[in-house]
Amino acid sequence: MGYILLFLIGFGLAVSGGVTIIAYMNFLPAGISWMEYFIFIKGRIECYFLPIGFLLMMIAIQRFPEKL
């Protein structure tokens, strides 16, 4: 049960981080370059939810017992 909860938390964080990164792409038509975009999202804590969520999901998948 704990691994399923860990997976779901990771999934939620990954979705939240991914949506945030895509939402910040709306700054690109406003005139900033790709390099300025990456520098901007590097400083935003909510953009780190995507890799943290992927990491939690990978841990949950690898540690999940094969026999239930």
Protein backbone atom coordinates (compact mmCIF):
# COMPACT_ATOMS: atom_id res chain seq x y z
CA MET A 1 0.00 0.00 0.00
CA GLY A 2 2.87 2.35 0.75
CA TYR A 3 4.39 1.93 -2.70
CA ILE A 4 1.11 2.75 -4.38
CA LEU A 5 0.84 5.91 -2.29
CA LEU A 6 4.44 6.82 -3.13
CA PHE A 7 3.71 6.28 -6.82
CA LEU A 8 0.59 8.45 -6.70
CA ILE A 9 2.42 11.25 -4.89
CA GLY A 10 5.18 11.08 -7.48
CA PHE A 11 2.65 11.13 -10.29
CA GLY A 12 0.91 14.16 -8.83
CA LEU A 13 4.21 16.02 -8.46
CA ALA A 14 5.26 15.13 -12.00
CA VAL A 15 1.97 16.37 -13.44
CA SER A 16 2.13 19.56 -11.40
CA GLY A 17 5.70 20.28 -12.45
CA GLY A 18 5.07 19.45 -16.09
CA VAL A 19 2.00 21.67 -16.30
CA THR A 20 3.94 24.51 -14.66
CA ILE A 21 6.82 24.20 -17.12
CA ILE A 22 4.40 24.20 -20.04
CA ALA A 23 2.54 27.19 -18.59
CA TYR A 24 5.79 29.14 -18.29
CA MET A 25 6.35 28.53 -22.01
CA ASN A 26 3.81 31.31 -22.55
CA PHE A 27 6.68 33.70 -21.86
CA LEU A 28 8.39 32.66 -25.10
CA PRO A 29 6.02 34.56 -27.41
CA ALA A 30 6.46 37.58 -25.13
CA GLY A 31 10.01 37.93 -26.41
CA ILE A 32 12.34 36.00 -24.11
CA SER A 33 14.85 33.57 -25.59
CA TRP A 34 15.15 29.87 -24.82
CA MET A 35 18.23 30.52 -22.68
CA GLU A 36 16.38 33.12 -20.60
CA TYR A 37 13.48 30.67 -20.28
CA PHE A 38 15.72 27.91 -18.92
CA ILE A 39 17.41 30.32 -16.52
CA PHE A 40 13.97 31.44 -15.32
CA ILE A 41 12.61 27.93 -14.70
CA LYS A 42 15.86 26.92 -13.00
CA GLY A 43 15.03 29.40 -10.25
CA ARG A 44 11.43 28.28 -9.75
CA ILE A 45 10.90 25.61 -7.09
CA GLU A 46 7.66 24.32 -8.63
CA CYS A 47 9.53 23.34 -11.79
CA TYR A 48 11.60 20.89 -9.77
CA PHE A 49 8.45 18.89 -9.02
CA LEU A 50 8.72 17.17 -12.43
CA PRO A 51 12.08 15.41 -11.83
CA ILE A 52 11.25 14.75 -8.16
CA GLY A 53 7.96 13.14 -9.21
CA PHE A 54 9.72 10.98 -11.80
CA LEU A 55 12.23 9.90 -9.17
CA LEU A 56 9.51 8.93 -6.69
CA MET A 57 7.65 6.97 -9.36
CA MET A 58 10.82 5.10 -10.36
CA ILE A 59 11.51 4.22 -6.72
CA ALA A 60 7.96 2.98 -6.24
CA ILE A 61 8.05 0.87 -9.41
CA GLN A 62 11.41 -0.72 -8.61
CA ARG A 63 10.57 -1.45 -4.98
CA PHE A 64 7.04 -2.71 -5.61
CA PRO A 65 6.81 -6.38 -4.59
CA GLU A 66 6.25 -8.73 -7.51
CA LYS A 67 4.10 -11.15 -5.54
CA LEU A 68 1.04 -9.76 -3.82
